């Protein structure tokens, strides 16, 4: 069962009323995730960028599904729906860009056919 961080204590996320979200806690988690993500990506060898891009595409696909579920929910406030739509846009952009970059990288390793004169 999914738990959302609330201002007083953890409450199961099963529909119903919306408690006040702990903004400072959510901001701290966001900043920590951003910092750890940057540190991990900086230490990746250039040879591993294509496989890593494939992995991030899979994670972004999961984010798109979650954002669609959140955006389509009628019980959520308008700002949650707007954030869900922004998440869909960002994740979809990441997926498409990842596929384009991966395709470009793979084309670099293909043998070039000699042009017959």
Protein backbone atom coordinates (compact mmCIF):
# COMPACT_ATOMS: atom_id res chain seq x y z
CA UNK A 1 0.00 0.00 0.00
CA UNK A 2 1.42 3.37 -1.02
CA UNK A 3 1.99 5.92 1.72
CA UNK A 4 2.15 9.66 1.18
CA UNK A 5 4.07 11.95 3.52
CA UNK A 6 1.61 14.18 5.36
CA UNK A 7 2.27 16.95 7.81
CA UNK A 8 1.31 14.97 10.91
CA UNK A 9 1.89 11.31 10.06
CA UNK A 10 1.89 8.82 7.18
CA UNK A 11 -1.57 8.19 5.77
CA UNK A 12 -2.48 5.43 3.30
CA UNK A 13 -3.07 6.82 -0.19
CA UNK A 14 -6.48 5.28 -0.76
CA UNK A 15 -8.67 8.03 -2.18
CA UNK A 16 -10.73 9.95 0.35
CA UNK A 17 -9.79 13.38 1.66
CA UNK A 18 -6.59 15.17 0.88
CA UNK A 19 -4.46 16.05 3.88
CA UNK A 20 -1.91 18.83 3.78
CA UNK A 21 1.23 17.66 2.01
CA UNK A 22 4.51 18.25 3.85
CA UNK A 23 6.04 20.68 1.35
CA UNK A 24 9.39 20.96 3.12
CA UNK A 25 9.74 17.18 3.26
CA UNK A 26 8.81 16.80 -0.41
CA UNK A 27 11.25 19.58 -1.38
CA UNK A 28 14.02 17.92 0.64
CA UNK A 29 13.42 14.57 -1.09
CA UNK A 30 13.40 16.29 -4.50
CA UNK A 31 16.68 18.11 -3.81
CA UNK A 32 18.32 14.97 -2.42
CA UNK A 33 17.22 12.91 -5.45
CA UNK A 34 18.53 15.60 -7.80
CA UNK A 35 21.90 15.73 -6.03
CA UNK A 36 22.31 11.95 -6.00
CA UNK A 37 21.25 11.71 -9.65
CA UNK A 38 23.82 14.29 -10.74
CA UNK A 39 26.57 12.59 -8.73
CA UNK A 40 25.76 9.17 -10.22
CA UNK A 41 25.56 10.43 -13.82
CA UNK A 42 28.86 12.35 -13.55
CA UNK A 43 30.71 9.19 -12.62
CA UNK A 44 29.46 7.10 -15.57
CA UNK A 45 31.95 6.25 -18.29
CA UNK A 46 31.14 7.50 -21.79
CA UNK A 47 30.98 3.89 -22.99
CA UNK A 48 28.03 3.22 -20.69
CA UNK A 49 25.87 6.17 -21.71
CA UNK A 50 23.85 4.23 -24.31
CA UNK A 51 22.91 1.35 -21.96
CA UNK A 52 22.21 3.89 -19.21
CA UNK A 53 19.95 5.83 -21.59
CA UNK A 54 17.97 2.64 -22.24
CA UNK A 55 17.52 2.17 -18.50
CA UNK A 56 16.34 5.75 -18.00
CA UNK A 57 13.87 5.27 -20.86
CA UNK A 58 12.34 2.36 -18.96
CA UNK A 59 12.14 4.44 -15.78
CA UNK A 60 10.59 7.34 -17.69
CA UNK A 61 8.00 4.98 -19.16
CA UNK A 62 6.98 4.03 -15.63
CA UNK A 63 6.81 7.73 -14.75
CA UNK A 64 4.52 8.36 -17.74
CA UNK A 65 2.12 5.63 -16.62
CA UNK A 66 2.04 7.02 -13.07
CA UNK A 67 1.55 10.58 -14.32
CA UNK A 68 -1.32 9.49 -16.56
CA UNK A 69 -3.02 7.84 -13.59
CA UNK A 70 -2.56 10.97 -11.47
CA UNK A 71 -3.64 13.34 -14.25
CA UNK A 72 -6.80 11.38 -14.99
CA UNK A 73 -7.90 11.24 -11.33
CA UNK A 74 -11.04 13.24 -10.61
CA UNK A 75 -10.40 13.31 -6.86
CA UNK A 76 -7.17 15.30 -7.14
CA UNK A 77 -6.94 19.11 -6.96
CA UNK A 78 -6.18 21.08 -10.12
CA UNK A 79 -2.54 21.70 -9.30
CA UNK A 80 -1.91 17.96 -8.93
CA UNK A 81 -3.43 17.38 -12.37
CA UNK A 82 -1.25 20.18 -13.80
CA UNK A 83 1.88 18.66 -12.25
CA UNK A 84 0.87 15.28 -13.70
CA UNK A 85 0.57 16.81 -17.16
CA UNK A 86 3.98 18.45 -16.80
CA UNK A 87 5.42 15.08 -15.71
CA UNK A 88 3.89 13.42 -18.78
CA UNK A 89 5.47 16.04 -21.04
CA UNK A 90 8.91 15.83 -19.41
CA UNK A 91 9.00 12.03 -19.32
CA UNK A 92 7.80 11.71 -22.90
CA UNK A 93 10.45 14.20 -24.03
CA UNK A 94 13.09 12.17 -22.16
CA UNK A 95 11.95 8.92 -23.79
CA UNK A 96 11.91 10.32 -27.33
CA UNK A 97 15.28 12.04 -26.87
CA UNK A 98 16.76 8.86 -25.40
CA UNK A 99 15.66 6.80 -28.39
CA UNK A 100 17.04 9.39 -30.83
CA UNK A 101 20.40 9.55 -29.03
CA UNK A 102 20.62 5.75 -28.76
CA UNK A 103 19.85 5.38 -32.47
CA UNK A 104 22.52 7.96 -33.33
CA UNK A 105 25.09 6.21 -31.13
CA UNK A 106 24.34 2.82 -32.68
CA UNK A 107 24.70 4.26 -36.20
CA UNK A 108 28.22 5.37 -35.29
CA UNK A 109 29.26 1.73 -34.76
CA UNK A 110 27.78 0.34 -38.00
CA UNK A 111 30.13 -0.40 -40.87
CA UNK A 112 29.89 2.22 -43.55
CA UNK A 113 29.27 0.81 -47.00
CA UNK A 114 31.80 1.87 -49.60
CA UNK A 115 30.32 3.90 -52.40
CA UNK A 116 30.92 2.24 -55.79
CA UNK A 117 32.23 4.56 -58.47
